[in-house]
PDB file of N, CA and C in Angstrom:
ATOM      1  N   UNK A   1       0.466  -1.395   0.460  1.00  0.00           N
ATOM      2  CA  UNK A   1       0.121  -0.019   0.202  1.00  0.00           C
ATOM      3  C   UNK A   1       1.298   1.200   0.086  1.00  0.00           C
ATOM      4  N   UNK A   2       0.292   2.531  -0.869  1.00  0.00           N
ATOM      5  CA  UNK A   2       1.548   3.450  -0.695  1.00  0.00           C
ATOM      6  C   UNK A   2       0.615   4.069   0.216  1.00  0.00           C
ATOM      7  N   UNK A   3       1.234   5.792   0.138  1.00  0.00           N
ATOM      8  CA  UNK A   3       0.633   6.309   0.803  1.00  0.00           C
ATOM      9  C   UNK A   3      -0.890   7.235   0.275  1.00  0.00           C
ATOM     10  N   UNK A   4      -0.309   7.358  -0.831  1.00  0.00           N
ATOM     11  CA  UNK A   4      -1.811   7.992  -0.888  1.00  0.00           C
ATOM     12  C   UNK A   4      -2.711   7.121  -0.483  1.00  0.00           C
ATOM     13  N   UNK A   5      -3.338   6.186  -0.977  1.00  0.00           N
ATOM     14  CA  UNK A   5      -4.168   5.119  -0.930  1.00  0.00           C
ATOM     15  C   UNK A   5      -4.470   5.444   0.777  1.00  0.00           C
ATOM     16  N   UNK A   6      -3.925   5.647   1.920  1.00  0.00           N
ATOM     17  CA  UNK A   6      -4.161   5.887   3.353  1.00  0.00           C
ATOM     18  C   UNK A   6      -4.846   6.967   2.849  1.00  0.00           C
ATOM     19  N   UNK A   7      -4.913   8.286   2.298  1.00  0.00           N
ATOM     20  CA  UNK A   7      -5.461   9.909   2.833  1.00  0.00           C
ATOM     21  C   UNK A   7      -6.828   9.661   2.378  1.00  0.00           C
ATOM     22  N   UNK A   8      -7.531  10.579   2.998  1.00  0.00           N
ATOM     23  CA  UNK A   8      -8.472  10.245   2.594  1.00  0.00           C
ATOM     24  C   UNK A   8      -9.103  12.014   1.509  1.00  0.00           C
ATOM     25  N   UNK A   9     -10.208  11.276   0.970  1.00  0.00           N
ATOM     26  CA  UNK A   9     -10.545  12.214   0.095  1.00  0.00           C
ATOM     27  C   UNK A   9     -10.519  13.465   0.246  1.00  0.00           C
ATOM     28  N   UNK A  10     -11.012  14.803  -0.271  1.00  0.00           N
ATOM     29  CA  UNK A  10     -10.646  15.663   0.231  1.00  0.00           C
ATOM     30  C   UNK A  10     -12.000  15.746  -0.398  1.00  0.00           C
ATOM     31  N   UNK A  11     -13.005  17.029   0.189  1.00  0.00           N
ATOM     32  CA  UNK A  11     -13.880  17.514   0.199  1.00  0.00           C
ATOM     33  C   UNK A  11     -14.069  18.775  -0.792  1.00  0.00           C
ATOM     34  N   UNK A  12     -15.034  19.113  -1.824  1.00  0.00           N
ATOM     35  CA  UNK A  12     -14.555  20.069  -2.646  1.00  0.00           C
ATOM     36  C   UNK A  12     -15.290  20.856  -1.678  1.00  0.00           C
ATOM     37  N   UNK A  13     -14.904  22.295  -2.497  1.00  0.00           N
ATOM     38  CA  UNK A  13     -14.698  23.602  -1.853  1.00  0.00           C
ATOM     39  C   UNK A  13     -16.095  24.220  -1.904  1.00  0.00           C
ATOM     40  N   UNK A  14     -16.422  24.614  -1.162  1.00  0.00           N
ATOM     41  CA  UNK A  14     -17.670  25.181  -1.272  1.00  0.00           C
ATOM     42  C   UNK A  14     -17.609  26.855  -1.076  1.00  0.00           C
ATOM     43  N   UNK A  15     -17.985  27.457  -1.962  1.00  0.00           N
ATOM     44  CA  UNK A  15     -18.046  28.952  -1.898  1.00  0.00           C
ATOM     45  C   UNK A  15     -19.300  29.621  -1.381  1.00  0.00           C
ATOM     46  N   UNK A  16     -20.188  28.966  -0.416  1.00  0.00           N
ATOM     47  CA  UNK A  16     -21.170  29.397   0.093  1.00  0.00           C
ATOM     48  C   UNK A  16     -20.849  30.731   1.070  1.00  0.00           C
ATOM     49  N   UNK A  17     -19.134  30.490   1.914  1.00  0.00           N
ATOM     50  CA  UNK A  17     -18.877  30.871   2.621  1.00  0.00           C
ATOM     51  C   UNK A  17     -18.332  32.176   1.739  1.00  0.00           C
ATOM     52  N   UNK A  18     -18.209  32.500   0.652  1.00  0.00           N
ATOM     53  CA  UNK A  18     -17.326  33.235  -0.061  1.00  0.00           C
ATOM     54  C   UNK A  18     -18.845  34.168  -0.607  1.00  0.00           C
ATOM     55  N   UNK A  19     -19.802  33.979  -1.165  1.00  0.00           N
ATOM     56  CA  UNK A  19     -20.911  33.822  -1.248  1.00  0.00           C
ATOM     57  C   UNK A  19     -21.314  35.314   0.144  1.00  0.00           C
ATOM     58  N   UNK A  20     -21.652  35.100   0.984  1.00  0.00           N
ATOM     59  CA  UNK A  20     -21.877  35.426   2.436  1.00  0.00           C
ATOM     60  C   UNK A  20     -20.981  36.681   1.852  1.00  0.00           C
ATOM     61  N   UNK A  21     -19.894  36.163   2.536  1.00  0.00           N
ATOM     62  CA  UNK A  21     -18.850  37.035   2.910  1.00  0.00           C
ATOM     63  C   UNK A  21     -19.280  38.194   1.698  1.00  0.00           C
ATOM     64  N   UNK A  22     -18.830  38.280   0.766  1.00  0.00           N
ATOM     65  CA  UNK A  22     -19.399  40.019  -0.614  1.00  0.00           C
ATOM     66  C   UNK A  22     -20.670  40.236  -0.958  1.00  0.00           C
ATOM     67  N   UNK A  23     -21.916  39.465   0.353  1.00  0.00           N
ATOM     68  CA  UNK A  23     -23.266  40.018   0.459  1.00  0.00           C
ATOM     69  C   UNK A  23     -22.331  41.194   2.145  1.00  0.00           C
ATOM     70  N   UNK A  24     -21.711  40.664   2.678  1.00  0.00           N
ATOM     71  CA  UNK A  24     -21.779  41.516   3.753  1.00  0.00           C
ATOM     72  C   UNK A  24     -21.010  42.510   3.764  1.00  0.00           C
ATOM     73  N   UNK A  25     -20.211  42.327   2.185  1.00  0.00           N
ATOM     74  CA  UNK A  25     -19.646  43.291   1.837  1.00  0.00           C
ATOM     75  C   UNK A  25     -20.687  44.574   1.323  1.00  0.00           C
ATOM     76  N   UNK A  26     -22.074  44.049   0.621  1.00  0.00           N
ATOM     77  CA  UNK A  26     -23.010  45.044   0.438  1.00  0.00           C
ATOM     78  C   UNK A  26     -23.205  46.196   1.059  1.00  0.00           C
ATOM     79  N   UNK A  27     -23.036  45.409   2.488  1.00  0.00           N
ATOM     80  CA  UNK A  27     -23.933  46.192   3.242  1.00  0.00           C
ATOM     81  C   UNK A  27     -23.208  48.107   3.696  1.00  0.00           C
ATOM     82  N   UNK A  28     -21.625  47.187   3.246  1.00  0.00           N
ATOM     83  CA  UNK A  28     -20.592  48.050   3.538  1.00  0.00           C
ATOM     84  C   UNK A  28     -20.198  48.604   2.028  1.00  0.00           C
ATOM     85  N   UNK A  29     -21.098  49.485   1.196  1.00  0.00           N
ATOM     86  CA  UNK A  29     -19.859  49.795   0.125  1.00  0.00           C
ATOM     87  C   UNK A  29     -19.221  50.470  -0.204  1.00  0.00           C
ATOM     88  N   UNK A  30     -19.218  51.633   0.312  1.00  0.00           N
ATOM     89  CA  UNK A  30     -18.406  52.674   0.677  1.00  0.00           C
ATOM     90  C   UNK A  30     -16.878  52.275   0.898  1.00  0.00           C
ATOM     91  N   UNK A  31     -17.122  51.967   2.372  1.00  0.00           N
ATOM     92  CA  UNK A  31     -15.733  51.874   2.867  1.00  0.00           C
ATOM     93  C   UNK A  31     -15.254  50.148   1.861  1.00  0.00           C
ATOM     94  N   UNK A  32     -15.707  50.073   1.086  1.00  0.00           N
ATOM     95  CA  UNK A  32     -15.140  48.593   0.335  1.00  0.00           C
ATOM     96  C   UNK A  32     -14.228  48.980  -0.739  1.00  0.00           C
ATOM     97  N   UNK A  33     -15.963  50.449  -1.357  1.00  0.00           N
ATOM     98  CA  UNK A  33     -14.947  51.031  -2.714  1.00  0.00           C
ATOM     99  C   UNK A  33     -13.607  51.586  -1.583  1.00  0.00           C
ATOM    100  N   UNK A  34     -13.589  52.593  -0.810  1.00  0.00           N
ATOM    101  CA  UNK A  34     -12.412  52.824  -0.635  1.00  0.00           C
ATOM    102  C   UNK A  34     -11.392  52.353  -0.375  1.00  0.00           C
ATOM    103  N   UNK A  35     -11.624  51.146   0.375  1.00  0.00           N
ATOM    104  CA  UNK A  35     -10.092  50.199   0.504  1.00  0.00           C
ATOM    105  C   UNK A  35     -10.122  49.231  -0.616  1.00  0.00           C
ATOM    106  N   UNK A  36     -11.004  49.082  -1.876  1.00  0.00           N
ATOM    107  CA  UNK A  36      -9.752  48.685  -3.380  1.00  0.00           C
ATOM    108  C   UNK A  36      -9.089  49.741  -3.435  1.00  0.00           C
ATOM    109  N   UNK A  37      -9.935  51.431  -3.900  1.00  0.00           N
ATOM    110  CA  UNK A  37      -8.265  52.263  -4.332  1.00  0.00           C
ATOM    111  C   UNK A  37      -7.729  52.498  -3.508  1.00  0.00           C
ATOM    112  N   UNK A  38      -7.679  52.240  -2.358  1.00  0.00           N
ATOM    113  CA  UNK A  38      -6.599  52.631  -1.397  1.00  0.00           C
ATOM    114  C   UNK A  38      -5.487  51.777  -1.815  1.00  0.00           C
ATOM    115  N   UNK A  39      -6.048  50.211  -2.165  1.00  0.00           N
ATOM    116  CA  UNK A  39      -4.712  49.312  -2.014  1.00  0.00           C
ATOM    117  C   UNK A  39      -5.113  48.914  -3.354  1.00  0.00           C
ATOM    118  N   UNK A  40      -5.454  49.432  -4.459  1.00  0.00           N
ATOM    119  CA  UNK A  40      -4.734  49.782  -5.952  1.00  0.00           C
ATOM    120  C   UNK A  40      -4.144  51.631  -5.843  1.00  0.00           C
ATOM    121  N   UNK A  41      -4.509  51.786  -5.245  1.00  0.00           N
ATOM    122  CA  UNK A  41      -3.228  52.818  -4.914  1.00  0.00           C
ATOM    123  C   UNK A  41      -1.384  53.153  -4.999  1.00  0.00           C
ATOM    124  N   UNK A  42      -1.278  51.629  -3.386  1.00  0.00           N
ATOM    125  CA  UNK A  42      -0.615  52.122  -3.235  1.00  0.00           C
ATOM    126  C   UNK A  42      -0.158  50.360  -3.690  1.00  0.00           C
ATOM    127  N   UNK A  43      -0.444  49.307  -4.590  1.00  0.00           N
ATOM    128  CA  UNK A  43       0.135  48.809  -4.779  1.00  0.00           C
ATOM    129  C   UNK A  43       0.585  49.656  -6.667  1.00  0.00           C
ATOM    130  N   UNK A  44       0.145  50.455  -7.196  1.00  0.00           N
ATOM    131  CA  UNK A  44       0.337  51.761  -7.765  1.00  0.00           C
ATOM    132  C   UNK A  44       1.691  51.438  -8.224  1.00  0.00           C
ATOM    133  N   UNK A  45       1.911  52.319  -6.352  1.00  0.00           N
ATOM    134  CA  UNK A  45       3.131  53.036  -5.535  1.00  0.00           C
ATOM    135  C   UNK A  45       4.488  52.303  -5.685  1.00  0.00           C
ATOM    136  N   UNK A  46       3.893  51.257  -5.056  1.00  0.00           N
ATOM    137  CA  UNK A  46       4.902  50.320  -5.010  1.00  0.00           C
ATOM    138  C   UNK A  46       5.655  49.533  -5.910  1.00  0.00           C
ATOM    139  N   UNK A  47       5.065  49.944  -7.743  1.00  0.00           N
ATOM    140  CA  UNK A  47       5.565  49.124  -9.073  1.00  0.00           C
ATOM    141  C   UNK A  47       6.292  50.408  -9.192  1.00  0.00           C
ATOM    142  N   UNK A  48       5.842  51.640  -8.418  1.00  0.00           N
ATOM    143  CA  UNK A  48       6.739  52.654  -9.316  1.00  0.00           C
ATOM    144  C   UNK A  48       8.259  53.533  -8.793  1.00  0.00           C
ATOM    145  N   UNK A  49       8.804  52.365  -7.341  1.00  0.00           N
ATOM    146  CA  UNK A  49       9.656  52.655  -6.491  1.00  0.00           C
ATOM    147  C   UNK A  49      10.977  52.342  -7.519  1.00  0.00           C
ATOM    148  N   UNK A  50      10.896  50.958  -8.259  1.00  0.00           N
ATOM    149  CA  UNK A  50      11.959  50.626  -9.390  1.00  0.00           C
ATOM    150  C   UNK A  50      12.169  51.403 -10.366  1.00  0.00           C
ATOM    151  N   UNK A  51      11.169  51.957 -10.976  1.00  0.00           N
ATOM    152  CA  UNK A  51      11.794  53.030 -12.248  1.00  0.00           C
ATOM    153  C   UNK A  51      12.328  54.075 -11.246  1.00  0.00           C
ATOM    154  N   UNK A  52      11.362  54.638 -10.391  1.00  0.00           N
ATOM    155  CA  UNK A  52      11.988  56.094 -10.022  1.00  0.00           C
ATOM    156  C   UNK A  52      13.494  55.714  -9.582  1.00  0.00           C
ATOM    157  N   UNK A  53      13.899  54.923  -8.455  1.00  0.00           N
ATOM    158  CA  UNK A  53      15.574  54.167  -8.182  1.00  0.00           C
ATOM    159  C   UNK A  53      16.461  54.478  -9.651  1.00  0.00           C
ATOM    160  N   UNK A  54      15.682  53.696 -11.401  1.00  0.00           N
ATOM    161  CA  UNK A  54      16.446  53.376 -12.003  1.00  0.00           C
ATOM    162  C   UNK A  54      16.822  55.012 -12.603  1.00  0.00           C
ATOM    163  N   UNK A  55      15.687  55.778 -12.384  1.00  0.00           N
ATOM    164  CA  UNK A  55      15.740  57.125 -13.365  1.00  0.00           C
ATOM    165  C   UNK A  55      16.859  57.700 -12.585  1.00  0.00           C
ATOM    166  N   UNK A  56      17.607  57.867 -10.748  1.00  0.00           N
ATOM    167  CA  UNK A  56      17.929  58.352 -10.219  1.00  0.00           C
ATOM    168  C   UNK A  56      19.238  57.976 -10.740  1.00  0.00           C
ATOM    169  N   UNK A  57      19.481  56.727 -10.787  1.00  0.00           N
ATOM    170  CA  UNK A  57      20.704  55.641 -11.069  1.00  0.00           C
ATOM    171  C   UNK A  57      21.186  56.471 -12.498  1.00  0.00           C
ATOM    172  N   UNK A  58      20.385  56.280 -12.885  1.00  0.00           N
ATOM    173  CA  UNK A  58      20.975  57.172 -14.614  1.00  0.00           C
ATOM    174  C   UNK A  58      21.090  58.627 -14.225  1.00  0.00           C
ATOM    175  N   UNK A  59      20.105  59.549 -13.990  1.00  0.00           N
ATOM    176  CA  UNK A  59      21.017  60.419 -14.023  1.00  0.00           C
ATOM    177  C   UNK A  59      22.128  60.873 -13.054  1.00  0.00           C
ATOM    178  N   UNK A  60      22.514  60.071 -11.972  1.00  0.00           N
ATOM    179  CA  UNK A  60      23.774  59.865 -12.047  1.00  0.00           C
ATOM    180  C   UNK A  60      25.151  59.621 -12.367  1.00  0.00           C
ATOM    181  N   UNK A  61      24.691  58.790 -12.838  1.00  0.00           N
ATOM    182  CA  UNK A  61      25.652  58.163 -14.289  1.00  0.00           C
ATOM    183  C   UNK A  61      26.276  58.643 -15.488  1.00  0.00           C
ATOM    184  N   UNK A  62      25.122  59.404 -15.699  1.00  0.00           N
ATOM    185  CA  UNK A  62      25.081  60.173 -16.549  1.00  0.00           C
ATOM    186  C   UNK A  62      25.657  61.654 -16.465  1.00  0.00           C
ATOM    187  N   UNK A  63      25.827  62.095 -15.109  1.00  0.00           N
ATOM    188  CA  UNK A  63      26.100  63.327 -14.250  1.00  0.00           C
ATOM    189  C   UNK A  63      27.584  62.923 -14.579  1.00  0.00           C
ATOM    190  N   UNK A  64      27.819  61.672 -13.879  1.00  0.00           N
ATOM    191  CA  UNK A  64      29.900  61.416 -13.545  1.00  0.00           C
ATOM    192  C   UNK A  64      30.162  61.376 -14.766  1.00  0.00           C
ATOM    193  N   UNK A  65      29.593  60.887 -16.286  1.00  0.00           N
ATOM    194  CA  UNK A  65      30.132  60.429 -17.111  1.00  0.00           C
ATOM    195  C   UNK A  65      30.315  61.923 -17.797  1.00  0.00           C
ATOM    196  N   UNK A  66      29.303  62.796 -17.808  1.00  0.00           N
ATOM    197  CA  UNK A  66      29.616  64.074 -18.678  1.00  0.00           C
ATOM    198  C   UNK A  66      30.906  65.353 -17.479  1.00  0.00           C
ATOM    199  N   UNK A  67      30.724  65.341 -16.656  1.00  0.00           N
ATOM    200  CA  UNK A  67      32.037  65.214 -15.448  1.00  0.00           C
ATOM    201  C   UNK A  67      32.716  64.896 -15.476  1.00  0.00           C
ATOM    202  N   UNK A  68      33.403  63.386 -16.400  1.00  0.00           N
ATOM    203  CA  UNK A  68      34.706  63.015 -16.814  1.00  0.00           C
ATOM    204  C   UNK A  68      35.474  63.345 -17.926  1.00  0.00           C
ATOM    205  N   UNK A  69      34.113  63.442 -19.444  1.00  0.00           N
ATOM    206  CA  UNK A  69      33.567  63.954 -20.107  1.00  0.00           C
ATOM    207  C   UNK A  69      34.864  65.370 -20.476  1.00  0.00           C
ATOM    208  N   UNK A  70      34.314  66.162 -19.132  1.00  0.00           N
ATOM    209  CA  UNK A  70      35.152  67.338 -19.893  1.00  0.00           C
ATOM    210  C   UNK A  70      35.671  67.933 -19.340  1.00  0.00           C
ATOM    211  N   UNK A  71      36.308  67.078 -18.650  1.00  0.00           N
ATOM    212  CA  UNK A  71      38.142  67.156 -18.787  1.00  0.00           C
ATOM    213  C   UNK A  71      38.658  66.872 -19.550  1.00  0.00           C
ATOM    214  N   UNK A  72      38.341  65.988 -20.558  1.00  0.00           N
ATOM    215  CA  UNK A  72      38.648  65.398 -21.772  1.00  0.00           C
ATOM    216  C   UNK A  72      39.207  66.804 -23.140  1.00  0.00           C
ATOM    217  N   UNK A  73      40.131  66.609 -23.628  1.00  0.00           N
ATOM    218  CA  UNK A  73      40.262  67.616 -24.768  1.00  0.00           C
ATOM    219  C   UNK A  73      38.978  67.478 -26.333  1.00  0.00           C
ATOM    220  N   UNK A  74      38.648  68.207 -26.733  1.00  0.00           N
ATOM    221  CA  UNK A  74      37.143  68.726 -28.028  1.00  0.00           C
ATOM    222  C   UNK A  74      37.436  67.340 -28.731  1.00  0.00           C
ATOM    223  N   UNK A  75      38.202  66.448 -29.263  1.00  0.00           N
ATOM    224  CA  UNK A  75      38.477  65.535 -30.222  1.00  0.00           C
ATOM    225  C   UNK A  75      37.600  64.307 -29.751  1.00  0.00           C
ATOM    226  N   UNK A  76      38.214  64.044 -28.313  1.00  0.00           N
ATOM    227  CA  UNK A  76      38.206  62.878 -27.498  1.00  0.00           C
ATOM    228  C   UNK A  76      36.548  63.468 -27.159  1.00  0.00           C
ATOM    229  N   UNK A  77      36.005  64.274 -26.854  1.00  0.00           N
ATOM    230  CA  UNK A  77      34.602  64.603 -26.390  1.00  0.00           C
ATOM    231  C   UNK A  77      33.755  64.651 -27.154  1.00  0.00           C
ATOM    232  N   UNK A  78      33.599  64.971 -28.748  1.00  0.00           N
ATOM    233  CA  UNK A  78      33.853  64.490 -30.362  1.00  0.00           C
ATOM    234  C   UNK A  78      33.285  63.150 -30.339  1.00  0.00           C
ATOM    235  N   UNK A  79      33.942  62.131 -30.192  1.00  0.00           N
ATOM    236  CA  UNK A  79      33.663  61.596 -31.013  1.00  0.00           C
ATOM    237  C   UNK A  79      33.491  59.657 -29.285  1.00  0.00           C
ATOM    238  N   UNK A  80      33.594  60.383 -27.917  1.00  0.00           N
ATOM    239  CA  UNK A  80      33.099  59.345 -27.099  1.00  0.00           C
ATOM    240  C   UNK A  80      31.818  60.183 -27.157  1.00  0.00           C
ATOM    241  N   UNK A  81      31.123  61.185 -27.397  1.00  0.00           N
ATOM    242  CA  UNK A  81      29.630  61.368 -27.089  1.00  0.00           C
ATOM    243  C   UNK A  81      29.097  61.054 -29.430  1.00  0.00           C
ATOM    244  N   UNK A  82      29.515  60.276 -29.602  1.00  0.00           N
ATOM    245  CA  UNK A  82      28.625  60.277 -30.411  1.00  0.00           C
ATOM    246  C   UNK A  82      28.980  58.812 -30.427  1.00  0.00           C
ATOM    247  N   UNK A  83      30.061  58.463 -30.431  1.00  0.00           N
ATOM    248  CA  UNK A  83      29.870  56.559 -29.891  1.00  0.00           C
ATOM    249  C   UNK A  83      28.721  55.871 -28.759  1.00  0.00           C
ATOM    250  N   UNK A  84      28.331  56.947 -28.293  1.00  0.00           N
ATOM    251  CA  UNK A  84      27.710  56.544 -27.006  1.00  0.00           C
ATOM    252  C   UNK A  84      26.626  57.073 -27.093  1.00  0.00           C
ATOM    253  N   UNK A  85      26.447  57.990 -28.485  1.00  0.00           N
ATOM    254  CA  UNK A  85      24.537  57.831 -29.208  1.00  0.00           C
ATOM    255  C   UNK A  85      23.950  59.494 -28.578  1.00  0.00           C
ATOM    256  N   UNK A  86      24.687  60.220 -27.567  1.00  0.00           N
ATOM    257  CA  UNK A  86      23.843  61.247 -27.320  1.00  0.00           C
ATOM    258  C   UNK A  86      24.573  62.724 -28.201  1.00  0.00           C
ATOM    259  N   UNK A  87      24.308  63.519 -27.669  1.00  0.00           N
ATOM    260  CA  UNK A  87      24.320  64.888 -29.041  1.00  0.00           C
ATOM    261  C   UNK A  87      25.200  65.446 -27.223  1.00  0.00           C
ATOM    262  N   UNK A  88      26.353  66.457 -27.777  1.00  0.00           N
ATOM    263  CA  UNK A  88      26.470  68.050 -27.396  1.00  0.00           C
ATOM    264  C   UNK A  88      25.708  69.601 -27.690  1.00  0.00           C
TER     265      UNK A  88
END
């Protein structure tokens, strides 16, 4: 006998309680809507954080590159800028 044969069969899930919970929320429609709006706003804000950090790091990197490039002769500057796909 295997271990699977000894396990009792699972009952099918009942969605009766879920229906009761949704009907219960109907009595508190405004609070429920406000909670969902807050949920979506906070999720959106959390998804924007990595993009914000990327923009900050890119700006710092570009600034550092521009600062180092400014100390080079004009011919080197134009060559590096054209290779990087940027304009002066």
